[in-house]
Amino acid sequence: MDAYSTGRPTWVEISLPALRHNLHRAKQAAPHAAAWPVIKADAYGLGAVPCAHALADLADGFCVALVEEAEILRQAGISHPILILSGYFPGLERQIVELNLQVCIENRQQVDAIGHTAAALGKSVALHIEVNTGMARLGAEPSATPELIAHIDAAPGVELGGVLTHFACADEPERAANAKQVEQLERLLAHPALQTRADLTVSACNSAALLSLPQAQRQWIRPGIMLYGASPFHPQRTAAADGLQPVARWITHILQIHDLPAGTPLHYGHTYTTPHDARIAILPVGYADGYSRRLSNRGEMLIHGQRAPLRGRVCMDLIAVEVTKIPQAQTGDQVILMGDDGAGAAVTLEQMATWMETIPYETLTRLSPRLPRRYLNEDPV
């Protein structure tokens, strides 16, 4: 396809085979657990609907953060169980019931509100009790959980879907906080109100816990960032070290090339001045696309298999890179902003996150909706 046939030649490629590989890797780490991929935030910026369809035959359910995210999946024909992880605001009970969603709750008021609505509609909603074992964000206290289970059992229109918790420090496996949270969970599960329930399902593992805390594995897992080709242990470990494949490639093309004399200041703020005669390529991408302004004067990209350094500030729609040492570069040439070039060179998601002084999660979710997503059913050559 001509790079210019669909407008601005800047897009994100998503490898669906790599996505599936990474879910297989998650299932390999917990072979006896059900897998509920986390596809919140539009699958971490890569497109929830295409990703859900690609993973459908491998997934037992899906997790999202918001009711509206689940609605998009239902409208796209996703019939799997869908769990709302981040709670909900009052007034959304009818939508939860009508979309046949499951939801995390932490108090009796939520149980009663959902149960009343579901019973009136002749339905039943599965509720998962989120338990605060040390995250101190959402969740019921462990001491309140047995009573909350009893309340769900007695309430109309609801049933107990399970119990889940979330680790605060699983990306740092050596932290003592992890053992304390596991201990809290085990103490709760030993309570008679839970121990006697043969049907109780428990989840404690996101990507980091899944790969580093096997003692925390229970009936089902919630892999997230690992699905999208990043290690949850960045910067201590790479995705490759965890057996993961990169999923996203960010591609653009050279818009213009200028030959500039030594001493030429570049762009807003004149934060870079050419120390010698230089060839500067202008690329049609900027912070409006999610290419962070923190990459100014520090980012690198691939052109003809060579690294080209970013010069000057990242603008809203444009950036400049030096191609003095890439004499064959010309207008229209492909540029790899993130990902590999198919010949062994790569700018990894982790590298970009490091330059941005953030984590791979944010790097992916910053990708702007104005960037077209192209889905590959075969690995790119």
Protein backbone atom coordinates (compact mmCIF):
# COMPACT_ATOMS: atom_id res chain seq x y z
CA MET A 1 0.00 0.00 0.00
CA ASP A 2 1.22 3.50 -0.84
CA ALA A 3 2.10 5.17 2.46
CA TYR A 4 0.25 8.29 1.35
CA SER A 5 -2.93 6.60 0.07
CA THR A 6 -4.81 7.07 3.35
CA GLY A 7 -3.73 10.57 4.34
CA ARG A 8 -0.98 11.26 6.85
CA PRO A 9 1.45 8.30 6.74
CA THR A 10 1.59 7.74 10.49
CA TRP A 11 -0.05 4.78 12.18
CA VAL A 12 0.24 1.99 14.76
CA GLU A 13 0.48 -1.64 13.70
CA ILE A 14 -0.82 -4.29 16.10
CA SER A 15 0.29 -7.89 15.70
CA LEU A 16 -2.62 -10.10 16.70
CA PRO A 17 -0.46 -13.26 16.60
CA ALA A 18 1.91 -11.65 19.11
CA LEU A 19 -1.06 -10.68 21.29
CA ARG A 20 -2.25 -14.29 21.27
CA HIS A 21 1.26 -15.54 22.00
CA ASN A 22 1.40 -13.35 25.09
CA LEU A 23 -1.91 -14.68 26.38
CA HIS A 24 -0.62 -18.21 25.82
CA ARG A 25 2.42 -17.19 27.89
CA ALA A 26 0.12 -16.02 30.69
CA LYS A 27 -1.84 -19.26 30.59
CA GLN A 28 1.42 -21.21 30.62
CA ALA A 29 2.39 -19.47 33.85
CA ALA A 30 -0.91 -20.51 35.46
CA PRO A 31 -2.01 -23.63 33.58
CA HIS A 32 -4.89 -24.49 35.90
CA ALA A 33 -6.40 -21.00 36.11
CA ALA A 34 -9.08 -19.41 33.98
CA ALA A 35 -7.83 -16.40 32.02
CA TRP A 36 -9.68 -13.09 31.93
CA PRO A 37 -7.59 -10.67 29.82
CA VAL A 38 -7.67 -7.05 30.93
CA ILE A 39 -8.68 -4.89 27.95
CA LYS A 40 -9.52 -1.68 29.79
CA ALA A 41 -8.47 1.72 28.40
CA ASP A 42 -9.22 0.46 24.87
CA ALA A 43 -6.88 -2.48 25.39
CA TYR A 44 -4.15 -0.18 26.68
CA GLY A 45 -4.53 1.97 23.58
CA LEU A 46 -4.40 -0.84 21.02
CA GLY A 47 -8.13 -1.31 20.41
CA ALA A 48 -10.38 -3.29 22.75
CA VAL A 49 -12.76 -4.67 20.14
CA PRO A 50 -10.17 -6.11 17.72
CA CYS A 51 -8.10 -7.41 20.63
CA ALA A 52 -11.12 -9.05 22.26
CA HIS A 53 -12.08 -10.77 19.01
CA ALA A 54 -8.49 -11.96 18.55
CA LEU A 55 -8.38 -13.43 22.07
CA ALA A 56 -11.95 -14.71 22.25
CA ASP A 57 -11.19 -18.41 21.86
CA LEU A 58 -8.46 -18.24 24.53
CA ALA A 59 -10.32 -16.14 27.10
CA ASP A 60 -12.79 -17.25 29.76
CA GLY A 61 -13.93 -13.66 30.26
CA PHE A 62 -12.70 -10.09 29.93
CA CYS A 63 -11.96 -7.33 32.43
CA VAL A 64 -12.50 -3.62 31.85
CA ALA A 65 -12.52 -0.59 34.12
CA LEU A 66 -15.75 1.12 33.11
CA VAL A 67 -19.32 0.23 32.24
CA GLU A 68 -19.05 2.22 29.01
CA GLU A 69 -16.03 0.14 27.99
CA ALA A 70 -18.09 -3.01 28.48
CA GLU A 71 -20.96 -1.53 26.46
CA ILE A 72 -18.65 -1.05 23.47
CA LEU A 73 -17.66 -4.70 23.66
CA ARG A 74 -21.26 -5.87 23.87
CA GLN A 75 -22.17 -3.71 20.86
CA ALA A 76 -19.33 -5.38 18.97
CA GLY A 77 -20.74 -8.83 19.65
CA ILE A 78 -18.52 -9.91 22.54
CA SER A 79 -20.67 -12.33 24.56
CA HIS A 80 -18.05 -13.43 27.11
CA PRO A 81 -18.51 -12.59 30.78
CA ILE A 82 -17.23 -9.06 31.37
CA LEU A 83 -16.11 -7.83 34.78
CA ILE A 84 -16.04 -4.15 35.74
CA LEU A 85 -12.90 -3.77 37.85
CA SER A 86 -13.06 -0.16 38.99
CA GLY A 87 -16.46 -0.01 40.64
CA TYR A 88 -19.32 2.06 39.29
CA PHE A 89 -21.26 5.22 39.99
CA PRO A 90 -24.85 5.09 41.28
CA GLY A 91 -27.33 5.27 38.45
CA LEU A 92 -25.60 2.69 36.26
CA GLU A 93 -27.30 -0.32 37.84
CA ARG A 94 -29.83 -0.81 35.04
CA GLN A 95 -27.11 -0.65 32.41
CA ILE A 96 -25.07 -3.23 34.31
CA VAL A 97 -28.06 -5.58 34.42
CA GLU A 98 -29.13 -5.09 30.81
CA LEU A 99 -25.60 -5.60 29.49
CA ASN A 100 -25.23 -8.77 31.58
CA LEU A 101 -22.09 -7.50 33.29
CA GLN A 102 -20.31 -8.62 36.43
CA VAL A 103 -19.00 -5.95 38.77
CA CYS A 104 -16.59 -5.49 41.66
CA ILE A 105 -18.21 -4.19 44.83
CA GLU A 106 -17.09 -3.33 48.34
CA ASN A 107 -20.18 -2.50 50.42
CA ARG A 108 -23.78 -3.43 51.19
CA GLN A 109 -25.19 -0.33 49.50
CA GLN A 110 -23.85 -1.47 46.14
CA VAL A 111 -25.25 -4.96 46.70
CA ASP A 112 -28.69 -3.58 47.48
CA ALA A 113 -28.76 -1.12 44.58
CA ILE A 114 -27.77 -3.67 41.96
CA GLY A 115 -29.88 -6.42 43.51
CA HIS A 116 -33.01 -4.25 43.59
CA THR A 117 -32.62 -3.31 39.93
CA ALA A 118 -31.80 -6.84 38.79
CA ALA A 119 -34.68 -8.39 40.71
CA ALA A 120 -37.12 -5.89 39.21
CA LEU A 121 -35.94 -6.95 35.75
CA GLY A 122 -36.04 -10.65 36.57
CA LYS A 123 -32.26 -10.96 36.28
CA SER A 124 -29.31 -11.84 38.48
CA VAL A 125 -25.90 -10.13 38.57
CA ALA A 126 -22.66 -11.77 39.67
CA LEU A 127 -20.83 -9.60 42.18
CA HIS A 128 -17.12 -9.91 42.93
CA ILE A 129 -15.98 -8.62 46.30
CA GLU A 130 -12.77 -6.67 45.96
CA VAL A 131 -10.80 -7.06 49.17
CA ASN A 132 -8.21 -4.57 50.35
CA THR A 133 -5.29 -6.72 51.46
CA GLY A 134 -2.80 -3.86 51.24
CA MET A 135 -3.46 -1.77 48.13
CA ALA A 136 -5.56 0.76 50.08
CA ARG A 137 -7.44 1.91 47.00
CA LEU A 138 -10.77 0.19 46.40
CA GLY A 139 -12.07 -2.78 48.32
CA ALA A 140 -13.72 -4.05 51.46
CA GLU A 141 -11.58 -4.74 54.50
CA PRO A 142 -10.90 -8.46 55.02
CA SER A 143 -12.77 -8.39 58.34
CA ALA A 144 -15.92 -7.13 56.60
CA THR A 145 -15.85 -9.67 53.78
CA PRO A 146 -17.63 -12.63 55.45
CA GLU A 147 -20.57 -10.42 56.40
CA LEU A 148 -20.67 -8.99 52.89
CA ILE A 149 -20.80 -12.50 51.45
CA ALA A 150 -23.72 -13.33 53.73
CA HIS A 151 -25.49 -10.16 52.61
CA ILE A 152 -25.06 -11.12 48.95
CA ASP A 153 -26.40 -14.61 49.67
CA ALA A 154 -29.52 -13.14 51.26
CA ALA A 155 -30.16 -10.38 48.73
CA PRO A 156 -32.43 -10.82 45.69
CA GLY A 157 -31.10 -10.27 42.19
CA VAL A 158 -27.43 -10.93 42.97
CA GLU A 159 -25.07 -13.84 43.46
CA LEU A 160 -21.47 -14.15 44.58
CA GLY A 161 -19.20 -14.19 41.55
CA GLY A 162 -16.00 -14.39 43.54
CA VAL A 163 -13.41 -12.57 45.60
CA LEU A 164 -10.43 -10.69 44.24
CA THR A 165 -7.56 -8.60 45.48
CA HIS A 166 -4.79 -6.54 43.91
CA PHE A 167 -1.10 -6.36 44.79
CA ALA A 168 0.51 -2.99 45.35
CA CYS A 169 4.13 -4.08 44.80
CA ALA A 170 4.04 -7.21 42.63
CA ASP A 171 6.33 -5.50 40.11
CA GLU A 172 8.97 -5.56 42.87
CA PRO A 173 8.77 -9.22 43.92
CA GLU A 174 11.32 -8.87 46.71
CA ARG A 175 9.17 -6.37 48.65
CA ALA A 176 7.88 -7.65 51.99
CA ALA A 177 4.51 -6.09 51.21
CA ASN A 178 3.78 -8.93 48.77
CA ALA A 179 4.14 -11.63 51.41
CA LYS A 180 1.95 -9.61 53.76
CA GLN A 181 -0.80 -9.37 51.15
CA VAL A 182 -0.61 -13.09 50.41
CA GLU A 183 -0.87 -13.75 54.15
CA GLN A 184 -3.90 -11.46 54.42
CA LEU A 185 -5.58 -13.27 51.54
CA GLU A 186 -4.86 -16.73 52.94
CA ARG A 187 -6.15 -15.72 56.36
CA LEU A 188 -9.37 -14.50 54.76
CA LEU A 189 -9.81 -17.65 52.69
CA ALA A 190 -9.38 -19.74 55.84
CA HIS A 191 -12.43 -18.08 57.42
CA PRO A 192 -15.30 -20.58 57.75
CA ALA A 193 -17.60 -18.38 55.68
CA LEU A 194 -15.27 -18.77 52.72
CA GLN A 195 -13.58 -22.10 53.41
CA THR A 196 -16.85 -24.00 53.21
CA ARG A 197 -17.79 -22.60 49.79
CA ALA A 198 -16.73 -25.10 47.14
CA ASP A 199 -17.93 -22.74 44.41
CA LEU A 200 -15.80 -19.77 45.51
CA THR A 201 -13.55 -18.35 42.81
CA VAL A 202 -10.63 -16.13 43.76
CA SER A 203 -8.31 -13.92 41.72
CA ALA A 204 -5.17 -12.17 42.94
CA CYS A 205 -2.85 -12.10 39.94
CA ASN A 206 -2.32 -9.33 37.46
CA SER A 207 0.64 -9.65 35.06
CA ALA A 208 3.31 -8.94 37.66
CA ALA A 209 1.86 -11.24 40.32
CA LEU A 210 1.26 -13.95 37.75
CA LEU A 211 4.94 -14.00 36.78
CA SER A 212 6.51 -13.40 40.20
CA LEU A 213 4.15 -14.68 42.91
CA PRO A 214 3.06 -18.22 42.02
CA GLN A 215 1.88 -18.67 45.61
CA ALA A 216 -0.81 -16.07 44.90
CA GLN A 217 -2.36 -17.93 41.96
CA ARG A 218 -5.93 -18.99 42.52
CA GLN A 219 -8.84 -19.95 40.25
CA TRP A 220 -8.45 -17.18 37.67
CA ILE A 221 -5.92 -14.62 36.46
CA ARG A 222 -6.10 -11.07 35.09
CA PRO A 223 -3.20 -10.58 32.65
CA GLY A 224 -2.91 -7.01 31.42
CA ILE A 225 0.30 -5.25 30.36
CA MET A 226 2.06 -8.51 29.47
CA LEU A 227 -0.53 -9.12 26.75
CA TYR A 228 0.59 -5.98 24.97
CA GLY A 229 4.25 -6.89 24.84
CA ALA A 230 5.73 -5.16 27.88
CA SER A 231 7.27 -6.55 31.03
CA PRO A 232 5.49 -5.53 34.24
CA PHE A 233 8.95 -5.39 35.83
CA HIS A 234 10.32 -2.51 33.74
CA PRO A 235 13.06 -1.36 34.05
CA GLN A 236 14.48 -4.36 35.94
CA ARG A 237 13.45 -6.90 33.26
CA THR A 238 12.64 -6.81 29.58
CA ALA A 239 9.65 -8.28 27.80
CA ALA A 240 11.91 -10.76 26.02
CA ALA A 241 13.20 -11.99 29.38
CA ASP A 242 9.61 -12.79 30.32
CA GLY A 243 8.99 -14.67 27.07
CA LEU A 244 6.78 -11.95 25.62
CA GLN A 245 6.56 -10.69 22.04
CA PRO A 246 6.19 -7.02 21.06
CA VAL A 247 2.68 -6.28 19.85
CA ALA A 248 2.78 -2.67 18.62
CA ARG A 249 4.87 -0.89 15.99
CA TRP A 250 4.55 2.86 15.54
CA ILE A 251 5.40 3.95 12.03
CA THR A 252 5.68 7.28 10.23
CA HIS A 253 7.45 8.59 7.12
CA ILE A 254 9.77 11.47 6.34
CA LEU A 255 7.85 14.58 5.34
CA GLN A 256 10.76 16.89 4.41
CA ILE A 257 14.55 17.04 4.66
CA HIS A 258 16.52 20.25 5.18
CA ASP A 259 20.26 20.82 4.89
CA LEU A 260 21.11 23.26 7.65
CA PRO A 261 24.39 25.03 8.36
CA ALA A 262 26.19 24.82 11.67
CA GLY A 263 24.78 27.17 14.26
CA THR A 264 21.11 26.81 13.22
CA PRO A 265 18.70 26.80 16.22
CA LEU A 266 15.71 24.48 15.91
CA HIS A 267 12.06 24.91 16.72
CA TYR A 268 10.24 26.21 19.78
CA GLY A 269 12.56 27.62 22.40
CA HIS A 270 15.65 26.99 20.26
CA THR A 271 16.59 24.16 22.64
CA TYR A 272 18.94 22.59 20.09
CA THR A 273 21.46 24.30 17.84
CA THR A 274 23.25 22.34 15.12
CA PRO A 275 26.94 22.06 16.09
CA HIS A 276 27.87 21.25 12.48
CA ASP A 277 26.28 21.21 9.05
CA ALA A 278 23.36 18.82 9.43
CA ARG A 279 20.59 17.06 7.52
CA ILE A 280 17.38 17.39 9.48
CA ALA A 281 14.29 15.33 8.60
CA ILE A 282 10.82 16.52 9.58
CA LEU A 283 8.32 13.83 10.57
CA PRO A 284 4.51 14.18 10.70
CA VAL A 285 3.97 13.13 14.32
CA GLY A 286 3.90 14.97 17.63
CA TYR A 287 2.60 15.11 21.15
CA ALA A 288 -1.00 15.26 19.89
CA ASP A 289 -0.38 11.68 18.76
CA GLY A 290 1.06 10.62 22.10
CA TYR A 291 4.71 11.20 21.20
CA SER A 292 5.56 12.78 24.52
CA ARG A 293 7.19 16.19 24.81
CA ARG A 294 9.54 14.50 27.30
CA LEU A 295 11.19 12.89 24.28
CA SER A 296 12.51 16.29 23.18
CA ASN A 297 16.26 16.08 22.51
CA ARG A 298 16.40 12.51 23.84
CA GLY A 299 14.25 10.21 21.70
CA GLU A 300 15.60 8.03 18.91
CA MET A 301 13.99 6.24 15.97
CA LEU A 302 14.99 3.88 13.17
CA ILE A 303 15.60 4.95 9.57
CA HIS A 304 17.19 2.42 7.20
CA GLY A 305 18.13 0.33 10.23
CA GLN A 306 20.08 3.15 11.87
CA ARG A 307 19.18 5.17 14.93
CA ALA A 308 18.32 8.78 14.25
CA PRO A 309 18.32 11.17 17.24
CA LEU A 310 15.47 13.59 17.84
CA ARG A 311 16.59 17.21 17.72
CA GLY A 312 14.75 20.06 19.40
CA ARG A 313 11.37 20.05 21.07
CA VAL A 314 8.52 17.75 20.17
CA CYS A 315 5.78 19.90 18.62
CA MET A 316 2.07 19.12 18.54
CA ASP A 317 2.15 17.63 15.04
CA LEU A 318 5.82 17.55 13.98
CA ILE A 319 9.24 16.45 15.16
CA ALA A 320 12.75 16.76 13.73
CA VAL A 321 15.44 14.08 13.60
CA GLU A 322 19.00 14.25 12.41
CA VAL A 323 19.86 12.08 9.39
CA THR A 324 23.35 13.45 8.72
CA LYS A 325 24.79 9.95 9.20
CA ILE A 326 22.05 8.36 7.08
CA PRO A 327 22.83 9.91 3.67
CA GLN A 328 20.42 7.61 1.84
CA ALA A 329 17.43 8.99 3.77
CA GLN A 330 14.94 10.81 1.59
CA THR A 331 11.41 12.16 1.65
CA GLY A 332 8.86 9.36 1.99
CA ASP A 333 11.15 6.89 3.73
CA GLN A 334 9.71 4.78 6.53
CA VAL A 335 10.57 5.66 10.12
CA ILE A 336 10.08 3.27 13.05
CA LEU A 337 9.19 5.32 16.12
CA MET A 338 8.60 2.22 18.25
CA GLY A 339 9.08 -1.42 17.41
CA ASP A 340 11.43 -3.40 15.20
CA ASP A 341 12.37 -2.90 11.57
CA GLY A 342 12.28 -6.58 10.68
CA ALA A 343 16.05 -6.71 10.29
CA GLY A 344 17.16 -6.93 13.90
CA ALA A 345 17.06 -3.27 14.93
CA ALA A 346 14.41 -2.03 17.35
CA VAL A 347 13.25 0.82 19.54
CA THR A 348 11.45 -1.07 22.27
CA LEU A 349 8.40 0.03 24.19
CA GLU A 350 10.52 -0.13 27.35
CA GLN A 351 13.18 2.14 25.83
CA MET A 352 10.58 4.71 24.88
CA ALA A 353 9.07 4.56 28.37
CA THR A 354 12.51 5.14 29.89
CA TRP A 355 13.10 8.21 27.71
CA MET A 356 9.66 9.48 28.72
CA GLU A 357 10.47 8.89 32.41
CA THR A 358 7.38 6.76 32.80
CA ILE A 359 6.17 3.17 32.50
CA PRO A 360 5.11 1.17 29.42
CA TYR A 361 1.47 1.32 30.56
CA GLU A 362 1.39 5.09 30.12
CA THR A 363 3.40 5.01 26.91
CA LEU A 364 0.80 2.78 25.25
CA THR A 365 -2.30 4.44 26.66
CA ARG A 366 -1.03 7.85 25.48
CA LEU A 367 -1.37 6.75 21.84
CA SER A 368 -3.90 9.18 20.40
CA PRO A 369 -7.19 8.11 18.82
CA ARG A 370 -6.18 10.10 15.74
CA LEU A 371 -3.51 7.48 14.99
CA PRO A 372 -4.98 4.79 12.72
CA ARG A 373 -4.59 1.26 14.08
CA ARG A 374 -3.73 -1.43 11.55
CA TYR A 375 -4.25 -5.02 12.66
CA LEU A 376 -1.97 -7.72 11.32
CA ASN A 377 -3.22 -11.29 11.31
CA GLU A 378 0.24 -12.48 10.35
CA ASP A 379 3.55 -11.35 11.78
CA PRO A 380 5.02 -8.47 9.73
CA VAL A 381 7.98 -9.37 7.54
